[in-house]
Amino acid sequence: LYVDTDVLFLRPVDDIWKFLRQFNSTQLAAMAPEHEIPKIG
């Protein structure tokens, strides 16, 4: 799990590791969108 130095966890770090088990056969990394609304992203 890579995180920037300006990241704070507001819940146990263990919880984010669970996403690894949700990867399908081709997925090899996980990230969040840069923005939710493209017109202002």
PDB file of all heavy atoms in Angstrom:
ATOM      1  N   LEU A   1       0.862  -1.182   0.000  1.00  0.00           N
ATOM      2  CA  LEU A   1       0.000   0.000   0.000  1.00  0.00           C
ATOM      3  C   LEU A   1       0.895   1.226   0.000  1.00  0.00           C
ATOM      4  O   LEU A   1       1.672   1.436   0.930  1.00  0.00           O
ATOM      5  CB  LEU A   1      -0.907   0.015   1.232  1.00  0.00           C
ATOM      6  CG  LEU A   1      -1.715   1.295   1.471  1.00  0.00           C
ATOM      7  CD1 LEU A   1      -2.700   1.543   0.329  1.00  0.00           C
ATOM      8  CD2 LEU A   1      -2.446   1.227   2.801  1.00  0.00           C
ATOM      9  N   TYR A   2       0.824   2.016  -1.062  1.00  0.00           N
ATOM     10  CA  TYR A   2       1.571   3.270  -1.139  1.00  0.00           C
ATOM     11  C   TYR A   2       0.663   4.417  -0.724  1.00  0.00           C
ATOM     12  O   TYR A   2      -0.485   4.487  -1.163  1.00  0.00           O
ATOM     13  CB  TYR A   2       2.068   3.529  -2.572  1.00  0.00           C
ATOM     14  CG  TYR A   2       2.544   4.952  -2.755  1.00  0.00           C
ATOM     15  CD1 TYR A   2       3.862   5.296  -2.476  1.00  0.00           C
ATOM     16  CD2 TYR A   2       1.663   5.955  -3.141  1.00  0.00           C
ATOM     17  CE1 TYR A   2       4.288   6.608  -2.578  1.00  0.00           C
ATOM     18  CE2 TYR A   2       2.080   7.269  -3.258  1.00  0.00           C
ATOM     19  CZ  TYR A   2       3.386   7.594  -2.970  1.00  0.00           C
ATOM     20  OH  TYR A   2       3.807   8.889  -3.065  1.00  0.00           O
ATOM     21  N   VAL A   3       1.164   5.311   0.117  1.00  0.00           N
ATOM     22  CA  VAL A   3       0.421   6.534   0.440  1.00  0.00           C
ATOM     23  C   VAL A   3       1.373   7.728   0.435  1.00  0.00           C
ATOM     24  O   VAL A   3       2.546   7.595   0.778  1.00  0.00           O
ATOM     25  CB  VAL A   3      -0.299   6.466   1.817  1.00  0.00           C
ATOM     26  CG1 VAL A   3      -1.364   5.384   1.813  1.00  0.00           C
ATOM     27  CG2 VAL A   3       0.684   6.245   2.952  1.00  0.00           C
ATOM     28  N   ASP A   4       0.870   8.889   0.034  1.00  0.00           N
ATOM     29  CA  ASP A   4       1.636  10.119   0.143  1.00  0.00           C
ATOM     30  C   ASP A   4       1.860  10.460   1.620  1.00  0.00           C
ATOM     31  O   ASP A   4       1.144   9.980   2.497  1.00  0.00           O
ATOM     32  CB  ASP A   4       0.878  11.281  -0.525  1.00  0.00           C
ATOM     33  CG  ASP A   4       0.968  11.235  -2.047  1.00  0.00           C
ATOM     34  OD1 ASP A   4       1.671  10.365  -2.581  1.00  0.00           O
ATOM     35  OD2 ASP A   4       0.324  12.093  -2.692  1.00  0.00           O
ATOM     36  N   THR A   5       2.834  11.326   1.878  1.00  0.00           N
ATOM     37  CA  THR A   5       3.140  11.688   3.271  1.00  0.00           C
ATOM     38  C   THR A   5       2.080  12.593   3.889  1.00  0.00           C
ATOM     39  O   THR A   5       2.096  12.805   5.102  1.00  0.00           O
ATOM     40  CB  THR A   5       4.502  12.397   3.353  1.00  0.00           C
ATOM     41  OG1 THR A   5       4.490  13.550   2.493  1.00  0.00           O
ATOM     42  CG2 THR A   5       5.625  11.468   2.930  1.00  0.00           C
ATOM     43  N   ASP A   6       1.163  13.124   3.080  1.00  0.00           N
ATOM     44  CA  ASP A   6       0.115  14.004   3.620  1.00  0.00           C
ATOM     45  C   ASP A   6      -1.219  13.271   3.748  1.00  0.00           C
ATOM     46  O   ASP A   6      -2.283  13.860   3.610  1.00  0.00           O
ATOM     47  CB  ASP A   6      -0.042  15.267   2.752  1.00  0.00           C
ATOM     48  CG  ASP A   6      -0.224  14.945   1.269  1.00  0.00           C
ATOM     49  OD1 ASP A   6      -0.377  13.752   0.928  1.00  0.00           O
ATOM     50  OD2 ASP A   6      -0.202  15.892   0.461  1.00  0.00           O
ATOM     51  N   VAL A   7      -1.151  11.971   4.027  1.00  0.00           N
ATOM     52  CA  VAL A   7      -2.341  11.138   4.169  1.00  0.00           C
ATOM     53  C   VAL A   7      -2.550  10.750   5.627  1.00  0.00           C
ATOM     54  O   VAL A   7      -1.606  10.392   6.319  1.00  0.00           O
ATOM     55  CB  VAL A   7      -2.218   9.869   3.283  1.00  0.00           C
ATOM     56  CG1 VAL A   7      -3.162   8.781   3.743  1.00  0.00           C
ATOM     57  CG2 VAL A   7      -2.502  10.214   1.826  1.00  0.00           C
ATOM     58  N   LEU A   8      -3.806  10.839   6.089  1.00  0.00           N
ATOM     59  CA  LEU A   8      -4.176  10.433   7.449  1.00  0.00           C
ATOM     60  C   LEU A   8      -5.279   9.385   7.383  1.00  0.00           C
ATOM     61  O   LEU A   8      -6.263   9.562   6.665  1.00  0.00           O
ATOM     62  CB  LEU A   8      -4.680  11.641   8.260  1.00  0.00           C
ATOM     63  CG  LEU A   8      -3.666  12.726   8.599  1.00  0.00           C
ATOM     64  CD1 LEU A   8      -4.379  13.943   9.205  1.00  0.00           C
ATOM     65  CD2 LEU A   8      -2.616  12.212   9.559  1.00  0.00           C
ATOM     66  N   PHE A   9      -5.107   8.312   8.134  1.00  0.00           N
ATOM     67  CA  PHE A   9      -6.137   7.273   8.195  1.00  0.00           C
ATOM     68  C   PHE A   9      -7.105   7.577   9.334  1.00  0.00           C
ATOM     69  O   PHE A   9      -6.678   7.740  10.482  1.00  0.00           O
ATOM     70  CB  PHE A   9      -5.503   5.892   8.398  1.00  0.00           C
ATOM     71  CG  PHE A   9      -4.897   5.326   7.149  1.00  0.00           C
ATOM     72  CD1 PHE A   9      -3.634   5.717   6.739  1.00  0.00           C
ATOM     73  CD2 PHE A   9      -5.596   4.425   6.367  1.00  0.00           C
ATOM     74  CE1 PHE A   9      -3.072   5.218   5.576  1.00  0.00           C
ATOM     75  CE2 PHE A   9      -5.055   3.921   5.200  1.00  0.00           C
ATOM     76  CZ  PHE A   9      -3.777   4.312   4.795  1.00  0.00           C
ATOM     77  N   LEU A  10      -8.392   7.648   9.030  1.00  0.00           N
ATOM     78  CA  LEU A  10      -9.415   7.903  10.035  1.00  0.00           C
ATOM     79  C   LEU A  10     -10.114   6.614  10.453  1.00  0.00           C
ATOM     80  O   LEU A  10     -11.115   6.658  11.167  1.00  0.00           O
ATOM     81  CB  LEU A  10     -10.438   8.924   9.508  1.00  0.00           C
ATOM     82  CG  LEU A  10      -9.853  10.252   9.015  1.00  0.00           C
ATOM     83  CD1 LEU A  10     -10.974  11.237   8.694  1.00  0.00           C
ATOM     84  CD2 LEU A  10      -8.890  10.866  10.020  1.00  0.00           C
ATOM     85  N   ARG A  11      -9.599   5.479   9.994  1.00  0.00           N
ATOM     86  CA  ARG A  11     -10.083   4.160  10.383  1.00  0.00           C
ATOM     87  C   ARG A  11      -8.893   3.208  10.278  1.00  0.00           C
ATOM     88  O   ARG A  11      -7.862   3.576   9.720  1.00  0.00           O
ATOM     89  CB  ARG A  11     -11.249   3.715   9.501  1.00  0.00           C
ATOM     90  CG  ARG A  11     -10.881   3.504   8.055  1.00  0.00           C
ATOM     91  CD  ARG A  11     -12.086   3.299   7.163  1.00  0.00           C
ATOM     92  NE  ARG A  11     -12.726   2.006   7.378  1.00  0.00           N
ATOM     93  CZ  ARG A  11     -13.821   1.609   6.712  1.00  0.00           C
ATOM     94  NH1 ARG A  11     -14.372   2.443   5.823  1.00  0.00           N
ATOM     95  NH2 ARG A  11     -14.352   0.435   6.931  1.00  0.00           N
ATOM     96  N   PRO A  12      -9.002   1.999  10.784  1.00  0.00           N
ATOM     97  CA  PRO A  12      -7.857   1.088  10.751  1.00  0.00           C
ATOM     98  C   PRO A  12      -7.306   0.866   9.337  1.00  0.00           C
ATOM     99  O   PRO A  12      -8.065   0.694   8.384  1.00  0.00           O
ATOM    100  CB  PRO A  12      -8.435  -0.213  11.321  1.00  0.00           C
ATOM    101  CG  PRO A  12      -9.539   0.240  12.221  1.00  0.00           C
ATOM    102  CD  PRO A  12     -10.141   1.424  11.531  1.00  0.00           C
ATOM    103  N   VAL A  13      -5.982   0.876   9.231  1.00  0.00           N
ATOM    104  CA  VAL A  13      -5.329   0.672   7.932  1.00  0.00           C
ATOM    105  C   VAL A  13      -5.703  -0.689   7.346  1.00  0.00           C
ATOM    106  O   VAL A  13      -5.798  -0.840   6.125  1.00  0.00           O
ATOM    107  CB  VAL A  13      -3.791   0.781   8.089  1.00  0.00           C
ATOM    108  CG1 VAL A  13      -3.097   0.578   6.759  1.00  0.00           C
ATOM    109  CG2 VAL A  13      -3.417   2.137   8.675  1.00  0.00           C
ATOM    110  N   ASP A  14      -5.920  -1.673   8.215  1.00  0.00           N
ATOM    111  CA  ASP A  14      -6.271  -3.023   7.742  1.00  0.00           C
ATOM    112  C   ASP A  14      -7.441  -3.001   6.760  1.00  0.00           C
ATOM    113  O   ASP A  14      -7.496  -3.818   5.828  1.00  0.00           O
ATOM    114  CB  ASP A  14      -6.659  -3.923   8.924  1.00  0.00           C
ATOM    115  CG  ASP A  14      -5.483  -4.207   9.833  1.00  0.00           C
ATOM    116  OD1 ASP A  14      -4.376  -3.740   9.521  1.00  0.00           O
ATOM    117  OD2 ASP A  14      -5.678  -4.889  10.847  1.00  0.00           O
ATOM    118  N   ASP A  15      -8.374  -2.078   6.953  1.00  0.00           N
ATOM    119  CA  ASP A  15      -9.608  -2.091   6.165  1.00  0.00           C
ATOM    120  C   ASP A  15      -9.354  -1.892   4.668  1.00  0.00           C
ATOM    121  O   ASP A  15     -10.068  -2.449   3.828  1.00  0.00           O
ATOM    122  CB  ASP A  15     -10.579  -1.023   6.669  1.00  0.00           C
ATOM    123  CG  ASP A  15     -11.122  -1.342   8.056  1.00  0.00           C
ATOM    124  OD1 ASP A  15     -10.939  -2.488   8.511  1.00  0.00           O
ATOM    125  OD2 ASP A  15     -11.710  -0.442   8.695  1.00  0.00           O
ATOM    126  N   ILE A  16      -8.364  -1.091   4.316  1.00  0.00           N
ATOM    127  CA  ILE A  16      -8.130  -0.821   2.889  1.00  0.00           C
ATOM    128  C   ILE A  16      -7.507  -2.032   2.192  1.00  0.00           C
ATOM    129  O   ILE A  16      -7.679  -2.231   0.989  1.00  0.00           O
ATOM    130  CB  ILE A  16      -7.255   0.444   2.691  1.00  0.00           C
ATOM    131  CG1 ILE A  16      -7.378   0.943   1.234  1.00  0.00           C
ATOM    132  CG2 ILE A  16      -5.802   0.201   3.070  1.00  0.00           C
ATOM    133  CD1 ILE A  16      -6.754   2.306   1.004  1.00  0.00           C
ATOM    134  N   TRP A  17      -6.815  -2.890   2.954  1.00  0.00           N
ATOM    135  CA  TRP A  17      -6.205  -4.076   2.361  1.00  0.00           C
ATOM    136  C   TRP A  17      -7.260  -5.036   1.810  1.00  0.00           C
ATOM    137  O   TRP A  17      -6.968  -5.859   0.936  1.00  0.00           O
ATOM    138  CB  TRP A  17      -5.339  -4.796   3.393  1.00  0.00           C
ATOM    139  CG  TRP A  17      -4.022  -4.142   3.634  1.00  0.00           C
ATOM    140  CD1 TRP A  17      -3.682  -3.317   4.667  1.00  0.00           C
ATOM    141  CD2 TRP A  17      -2.843  -4.238   2.815  1.00  0.00           C
ATOM    142  NE1 TRP A  17      -2.385  -2.906   4.539  1.00  0.00           N
ATOM    143  CE2 TRP A  17      -1.850  -3.452   3.415  1.00  0.00           C
ATOM    144  CE3 TRP A  17      -2.549  -4.915   1.627  1.00  0.00           C
ATOM    145  CZ2 TRP A  17      -0.564  -3.325   2.867  1.00  0.00           C
ATOM    146  CZ3 TRP A  17      -1.273  -4.784   1.082  1.00  0.00           C
ATOM    147  CH2 TRP A  17      -0.301  -3.994   1.704  1.00  0.00           C
ATOM    148  N   LYS A  18      -8.485  -4.943   2.329  1.00  0.00           N
ATOM    149  CA  LYS A  18      -9.542  -5.860   1.894  1.00  0.00           C
ATOM    150  C   LYS A  18      -9.867  -5.704   0.412  1.00  0.00           C
ATOM    151  O   LYS A  18     -10.403  -6.621  -0.209  1.00  0.00           O
ATOM    152  CB  LYS A  18     -10.795  -5.645   2.743  1.00  0.00           C
ATOM    153  CG  LYS A  18     -10.593  -5.971   4.217  1.00  0.00           C
ATOM    154  CD  LYS A  18     -11.799  -5.588   5.056  1.00  0.00           C
ATOM    155  CE  LYS A  18     -11.545  -5.840   6.538  1.00  0.00           C
ATOM    156  NZ  LYS A  18     -12.668  -5.359   7.388  1.00  0.00           N
ATOM    157  N   PHE A  19      -9.546  -4.542  -0.160  1.00  0.00           N
ATOM    158  CA  PHE A  19      -9.814  -4.335  -1.586  1.00  0.00           C
ATOM    159  C   PHE A  19      -9.004  -5.292  -2.456  1.00  0.00           C
ATOM    160  O   PHE A  19      -9.421  -5.629  -3.569  1.00  0.00           O
ATOM    161  CB  PHE A  19      -9.517  -2.891  -1.990  1.00  0.00           C
ATOM    162  CG  PHE A  19     -10.558  -1.907  -1.544  1.00  0.00           C
ATOM    163  CD1 PHE A  19     -10.242  -0.914  -0.633  1.00  0.00           C
ATOM    164  CD2 PHE A  19     -11.852  -1.963  -2.034  1.00  0.00           C
ATOM    165  CE1 PHE A  19     -11.207   0.001  -0.209  1.00  0.00           C
ATOM    166  CE2 PHE A  19     -12.820  -1.053  -1.623  1.00  0.00           C
ATOM    167  CZ  PHE A  19     -12.496  -0.075  -0.708  1.00  0.00           C
ATOM    168  N   LEU A  20      -7.841  -5.714  -1.978  1.00  0.00           N
ATOM    169  CA  LEU A  20      -7.023  -6.643  -2.762  1.00  0.00           C
ATOM    170  C   LEU A  20      -7.800  -7.918  -3.090  1.00  0.00           C
ATOM    171  O   LEU A  20      -7.645  -8.489  -4.172  1.00  0.00           O
ATOM    172  CB  LEU A  20      -5.745  -7.003  -1.996  1.00  0.00           C
ATOM    173  CG  LEU A  20      -4.590  -5.987  -2.033  1.00  0.00           C
ATOM    174  CD1 LEU A  20      -3.495  -6.403  -1.065  1.00  0.00           C
ATOM    175  CD2 LEU A  20      -4.040  -5.837  -3.445  1.00  0.00           C
ATOM    176  N   ARG A  21      -8.631  -8.349  -2.136  1.00  0.00           N
ATOM    177  CA  ARG A  21      -9.401  -9.578  -2.345  1.00  0.00           C
ATOM    178  C   ARG A  21     -10.541  -9.375  -3.342  1.00  0.00           C
ATOM    179  O   ARG A  21     -11.159 -10.344  -3.786  1.00  0.00           O
ATOM    180  CB  ARG A  21      -9.943 -10.086  -1.008  1.00  0.00           C
ATOM    181  CG  ARG A  21      -8.856 -10.538  -0.050  1.00  0.00           C
ATOM    182  CD  ARG A  21      -9.420 -11.419   1.063  1.00  0.00           C
ATOM    183  NE  ARG A  21     -10.278 -10.681   1.971  1.00  0.00           N
ATOM    184  CZ  ARG A  21      -9.844 -10.061   3.076  1.00  0.00           C
ATOM    185  NH1 ARG A  21      -8.561 -10.108   3.391  1.00  0.00           N
ATOM    186  NH2 ARG A  21     -10.681  -9.420   3.861  1.00  0.00           N
ATOM    187  N   GLN A  22     -10.837  -8.108  -3.678  1.00  0.00           N
ATOM    188  CA  GLN A  22     -11.909  -7.827  -4.626  1.00  0.00           C
ATOM    189  C   GLN A  22     -11.402  -7.677  -6.061  1.00  0.00           C
ATOM    190  O   GLN A  22     -12.194  -7.508  -6.987  1.00  0.00           O
ATOM    191  CB  GLN A  22     -12.655  -6.561  -4.189  1.00  0.00           C
ATOM    192  CG  GLN A  22     -13.330  -6.700  -2.833  1.00  0.00           C
ATOM    193  CD  GLN A  22     -14.096  -5.443  -2.420  1.00  0.00           C
ATOM    194  OE1 GLN A  22     -14.541  -4.666  -3.266  1.00  0.00           O
ATOM    195  NE2 GLN A  22     -14.234  -5.228  -1.128  1.00  0.00           N
ATOM    196  N   PHE A  23     -10.072  -7.718  -6.251  1.00  0.00           N
ATOM    197  CA  PHE A  23      -9.520  -7.626  -7.606  1.00  0.00           C
ATOM    198  C   PHE A  23     -10.025  -8.800  -8.452  1.00  0.00           C
ATOM    199  O   PHE A  23     -10.109  -9.928  -7.968  1.00  0.00           O
ATOM    200  CB  PHE A  23      -7.994  -7.700  -7.569  1.00  0.00           C
ATOM    201  CG  PHE A  23      -7.311  -6.429  -7.133  1.00  0.00           C
ATOM    202  CD1 PHE A  23      -8.007  -5.402  -6.528  1.00  0.00           C
ATOM    203  CD2 PHE A  23      -5.947  -6.265  -7.316  1.00  0.00           C
ATOM    204  CE1 PHE A  23      -7.375  -4.241  -6.116  1.00  0.00           C
ATOM    205  CE2 PHE A  23      -5.294  -5.111  -6.919  1.00  0.00           C
ATOM    206  CZ  PHE A  23      -6.011  -4.094  -6.317  1.00  0.00           C
ATOM    207  N   ASN A  24     -10.339  -8.540  -9.716  1.00  0.00           N
ATOM    208  CA  ASN A  24     -10.614  -9.652 -10.625  1.00  0.00           C
ATOM    209  C   ASN A  24      -9.287 -10.170 -11.187  1.00  0.00           C
ATOM    210  O   ASN A  24      -8.209  -9.752 -10.747  1.00  0.00           O
ATOM    211  CB  ASN A  24     -11.600  -9.227 -11.721  1.00  0.00           C
ATOM    212  CG  ASN A  24     -11.022  -8.166 -12.646  1.00  0.00           C
ATOM    213  OD1 ASN A  24      -9.807  -8.035 -12.802  1.00  0.00           O
ATOM    214  ND2 ASN A  24     -11.896  -7.397 -13.279  1.00  0.00           N
ATOM    215  N   SER A  25      -9.338 -11.035 -12.169  1.00  0.00           N
ATOM    216  CA  SER A  25      -8.128 -11.712 -12.633  1.00  0.00           C
ATOM    217  C   SER A  25      -7.153 -10.796 -13.371  1.00  0.00           C
ATOM    218  O   SER A  25      -5.968 -11.129 -13.509  1.00  0.00           O
ATOM    219  CB  SER A  25      -8.508 -12.883 -13.550  1.00  0.00           C
ATOM    220  OG  SER A  25      -9.238 -12.414 -14.679  1.00  0.00           O
ATOM    221  N   THR A  26      -7.605  -9.633 -13.841  1.00  0.00           N
ATOM    222  CA  THR A  26      -6.712  -8.744 -14.601  1.00  0.00           C
ATOM    223  C   THR A  26      -6.257  -7.531 -13.792  1.00  0.00           C
ATOM    224  O   THR A  26      -5.303  -6.853 -14.191  1.00  0.00           O
ATOM    225  CB  THR A  26      -7.406  -8.237 -15.885  1.00  0.00           C
ATOM    226  OG1 THR A  26      -8.554  -7.442 -15.531  1.00  0.00           O
ATOM    227  CG2 THR A  26      -7.838  -9.408 -16.757  1.00  0.00           C
ATOM    228  N   GLN A  27      -6.905  -7.232 -12.704  1.00  0.00           N
ATOM    229  CA  GLN A  27      -6.584  -6.023 -11.940  1.00  0.00           C
ATOM    230  C   GLN A  27      -5.334  -6.224 -11.094  1.00  0.00           C
ATOM    231  O   GLN A  27      -5.148  -7.279 -10.485  1.00  0.00           O
ATOM    232  CB  GLN A  27      -7.778  -5.626 -11.070  1.00  0.00           C
ATOM    233  CG  GLN A  27      -8.957  -5.127 -11.895  1.00  0.00           C
ATOM    234  CD  GLN A  27     -10.257  -5.045 -11.126  1.00  0.00           C
ATOM    235  OE1 GLN A  27     -10.437  -5.709 -10.105  1.00  0.00           O
ATOM    236  NE2 GLN A  27     -11.190  -4.244 -11.616  1.00  0.00           N
ATOM    237  N   LEU A  28      -4.485  -5.203 -11.063  1.00  0.00           N
ATOM    238  CA  LEU A  28      -3.224  -5.310 -10.346  1.00  0.00           C
ATOM    239  C   LEU A  28      -2.897  -4.079  -9.504  1.00  0.00           C
ATOM    240  O   LEU A  28      -1.875  -4.033  -8.822  1.00  0.00           O
ATOM    241  CB  LEU A  28      -2.083  -5.596 -11.335  1.00  0.00           C
ATOM    242  CG  LEU A  28      -2.016  -4.769 -12.631  1.00  0.00           C
ATOM    243  CD1 LEU A  28      -1.523  -3.369 -12.410  1.00  0.00           C
ATOM    244  CD2 LEU A  28      -1.175  -5.502 -13.665  1.00  0.00           C
ATOM    245  N   ALA A  29      -3.758  -3.072  -9.537  1.00  0.00           N
ATOM    246  CA  ALA A  29      -3.573  -1.877  -8.709  1.00  0.00           C
ATOM    247  C   ALA A  29      -4.935  -1.251  -8.457  1.00  0.00           C
ATOM    248  O   ALA A  29      -5.897  -1.508  -9.185  1.00  0.00           O
ATOM    249  CB  ALA A  29      -2.657  -0.868  -9.402  1.00  0.00           C
ATOM    250  N   ALA A  30      -5.001  -0.429  -7.398  1.00  0.00           N
ATOM    251  CA  ALA A  30      -6.259   0.249  -7.062  1.00  0.00           C
ATOM    252  C   ALA A  30      -5.981   1.691  -6.673  1.00  0.00           C
ATOM    253  O   ALA A  30      -5.045   1.969  -5.926  1.00  0.00           O
ATOM    254  CB  ALA A  30      -6.975  -0.476  -5.918  1.00  0.00           C
ATOM    255  N   MET A  31      -6.787   2.591  -7.214  1.00  0.00           N
ATOM    256  CA  MET A  31      -6.709   4.019  -6.876  1.00  0.00           C
ATOM    257  C   MET A  31      -8.119   4.603  -6.876  1.00  0.00           C
ATOM    258  O   MET A  31      -9.053   3.986  -7.392  1.00  0.00           O
ATOM    259  CB  MET A  31      -5.832   4.772  -7.887  1.00  0.00           C
ATOM    260  CG  MET A  31      -4.351   4.500  -7.767  1.00  0.00           C
ATOM    261  SD  MET A  31      -3.361   5.541  -8.879  1.00  0.00           S
ATOM    262  CE  MET A  31      -3.527   4.631 -10.400  1.00  0.00           C
ATOM    263  N   ALA A  32      -8.257   5.786  -6.332  1.00  0.00           N
ATOM    264  CA  ALA A  32      -9.529   6.509  -6.354  1.00  0.00           C
ATOM    265  C   ALA A  32      -9.520   7.521  -7.498  1.00  0.00           C
ATOM    266  O   ALA A  32      -8.452   7.947  -7.955  1.00  0.00           O
ATOM    267  CB  ALA A  32      -9.756   7.221  -5.026  1.00  0.00           C
ATOM    268  N   PRO A  33     -10.693   7.939  -7.960  1.00  0.00           N
ATOM    269  CA  PRO A  33     -10.740   8.955  -9.018  1.00  0.00           C
ATOM    270  C   PRO A  33     -10.085  10.263  -8.577  1.00  0.00           C
ATOM    271  O   PRO A  33     -10.093  10.607  -7.391  1.00  0.00           O
ATOM    272  CB  PRO A  33     -12.238   9.152  -9.254  1.00  0.00           C
ATOM    273  CG  PRO A  33     -12.889   7.915  -8.722  1.00  0.00           C
ATOM    274  CD  PRO A  33     -12.039   7.471  -7.575  1.00  0.00           C
ATOM    275  N   GLU A  34      -9.539  10.974  -9.528  1.00  0.00           N
ATOM    276  CA  GLU A  34      -8.999  12.307  -9.240  1.00  0.00           C
ATOM    277  C   GLU A  34     -10.138  13.271  -8.919  1.00  0.00           C
ATOM    278  O   GLU A  34      -9.997  14.167  -8.108  1.00  0.00           O
ATOM    279  CB  GLU A  34      -8.203  12.814 -10.448  1.00  0.00           C
ATOM    280  CG  GLU A  34      -7.792  14.277 -10.389  1.00  0.00           C
ATOM    281  CD  GLU A  34      -6.781  14.601  -9.296  1.00  0.00           C
ATOM    282  OE1 GLU A  34      -6.133  13.669  -8.784  1.00  0.00           O
ATOM    283  OE2 GLU A  34      -6.628  15.795  -8.964  1.00  0.00           O
ATOM    284  N   HIS A  35     -11.263  13.079  -9.565  1.00  0.00           N
ATOM    285  CA  HIS A  35     -12.411  13.942  -9.310  1.00  0.00           C
ATOM    286  C   HIS A  35     -13.688  13.176  -9.614  1.00  0.00           C
ATOM    287  O   HIS A  35     -13.690  12.243 -10.413  1.00  0.00           O
ATOM    288  CB  HIS A  35     -12.347  15.214 -10.157  1.00  0.00           C
ATOM    289  CG  HIS A  35     -12.902  16.418  -9.468  1.00  0.00           C
ATOM    290  ND1 HIS A  35     -14.257  16.594  -9.250  1.00  0.00           N
ATOM    291  CD2 HIS A  35     -12.300  17.492  -8.903  1.00  0.00           C
ATOM    292  CE1 HIS A  35     -14.453  17.736  -8.605  1.00  0.00           C
ATOM    293  NE2 HIS A  35     -13.284  18.294  -8.376  1.00  0.00           N
ATOM    294  N   GLU A  36     -14.766  13.578  -8.967  1.00  0.00           N
ATOM    295  CA  GLU A  36     -16.064  12.935  -9.187  1.00  0.00           C
ATOM    296  C   GLU A  36     -16.860  13.614 -10.301  1.00  0.00           C
ATOM    297  O   GLU A  36     -17.770  13.021 -10.872  1.00  0.00           O
ATOM    298  CB  GLU A  36     -16.892  12.971  -7.883  1.00  0.00           C
ATOM    299  CG  GLU A  36     -16.210  12.298  -6.698  1.00  0.00           C
ATOM    300  CD  GLU A  36     -15.822  10.869  -6.985  1.00  0.00           C
ATOM    301  OE1 GLU A  36     -16.712  10.057  -7.294  1.00  0.00           O
ATOM    302  OE2 GLU A  36     -14.620  10.554  -6.915  1.00  0.00           O
ATOM    303  N   ILE A  37     -16.525  14.862 -10.593  1.00  0.00           N
ATOM    304  CA  ILE A  37     -17.276  15.622 -11.605  1.00  0.00           C
ATOM    305  C   ILE A  37     -16.307  16.071 -12.689  1.00  0.00           C
ATOM    306  O   ILE A  37     -15.523  17.010 -12.488  1.00  0.00           O
ATOM    307  CB  ILE A  37     -17.963  16.851 -10.963  1.00  0.00           C
ATOM    308  CG1 ILE A  37     -18.859  16.410  -9.798  1.00  0.00           C
ATOM    309  CG2 ILE A  37     -18.769  17.617 -12.007  1.00  0.00           C
ATOM    310  CD1 ILE A  37     -19.468  17.557  -9.024  1.00  0.00           C
ATOM    311  N   PRO A  38     -16.307  15.411 -13.852  1.00  0.00           N
ATOM    312  CA  PRO A  38     -15.325  15.715 -14.899  1.00  0.00           C
ATOM    313  C   PRO A  38     -15.257  17.185 -15.304  1.00  0.00           C
ATOM    314  O   PRO A  38     -14.165  17.697 -15.563  1.00  0.00           O
ATOM    315  CB  PRO A  38     -15.807  14.836 -16.073  1.00  0.00           C
ATOM    316  CG  PRO A  38     -16.488  13.689 -15.416  1.00  0.00           C
ATOM    317  CD  PRO A  38     -17.179  14.272 -14.206  1.00  0.00           C
ATOM    318  N   LYS A  39     -16.381  17.874 -15.337  1.00  0.00           N
ATOM    319  CA  LYS A  39     -16.366  19.260 -15.848  1.00  0.00           C
ATOM    320  C   LYS A  39     -15.602  20.215 -14.949  1.00  0.00           C
ATOM    321  O   LYS A  39     -15.232  21.315 -15.383  1.00  0.00           O
ATOM    322  CB  LYS A  39     -17.795  19.766 -16.088  1.00  0.00           C
ATOM    323  CG  LYS A  39     -18.621  19.961 -14.841  1.00  0.00           C
ATOM    324  CD  LYS A  39     -20.011  20.480 -15.214  1.00  0.00           C
ATOM    325  CE  LYS A  39     -20.881  20.693 -13.972  1.00  0.00           C
ATOM    326  NZ  LYS A  39     -22.241  21.174 -14.323  1.00  0.00           N
ATOM    327  N   ILE A  40     -15.338  19.824 -13.694  1.00  0.00           N
ATOM    328  CA  ILE A  40     -14.514  20.681 -12.836  1.00  0.00           C
ATOM    329  C   ILE A  40     -13.238  19.957 -12.390  1.00  0.00           C
ATOM    330  O   ILE A  40     -12.522  20.421 -11.519  1.00  0.00           O
ATOM    331  CB  ILE A  40     -15.290  21.183 -11.590  1.00  0.00           C
ATOM    332  CG1 ILE A  40     -15.838  20.020 -10.760  1.00  0.00           C
ATOM    333  CG2 ILE A  40     -16.404  22.128 -11.998  1.00  0.00           C
ATOM    334  CD1 ILE A  40     -16.517  20.482  -9.467  1.00  0.00           C
ATOM    335  N   GLY A  41     -12.949  18.801 -12.998  1.00  0.00           N
ATOM    336  CA  GLY A  41     -11.744  18.051 -12.678  1.00  0.00           C
ATOM    337  C   GLY A  41     -10.526  18.593 -13.402  1.00  0.00           C
ATOM    338  O   GLY A  41     -10.636  19.216 -14.466  1.00  0.00           O
TER     339      GLY A  41
END
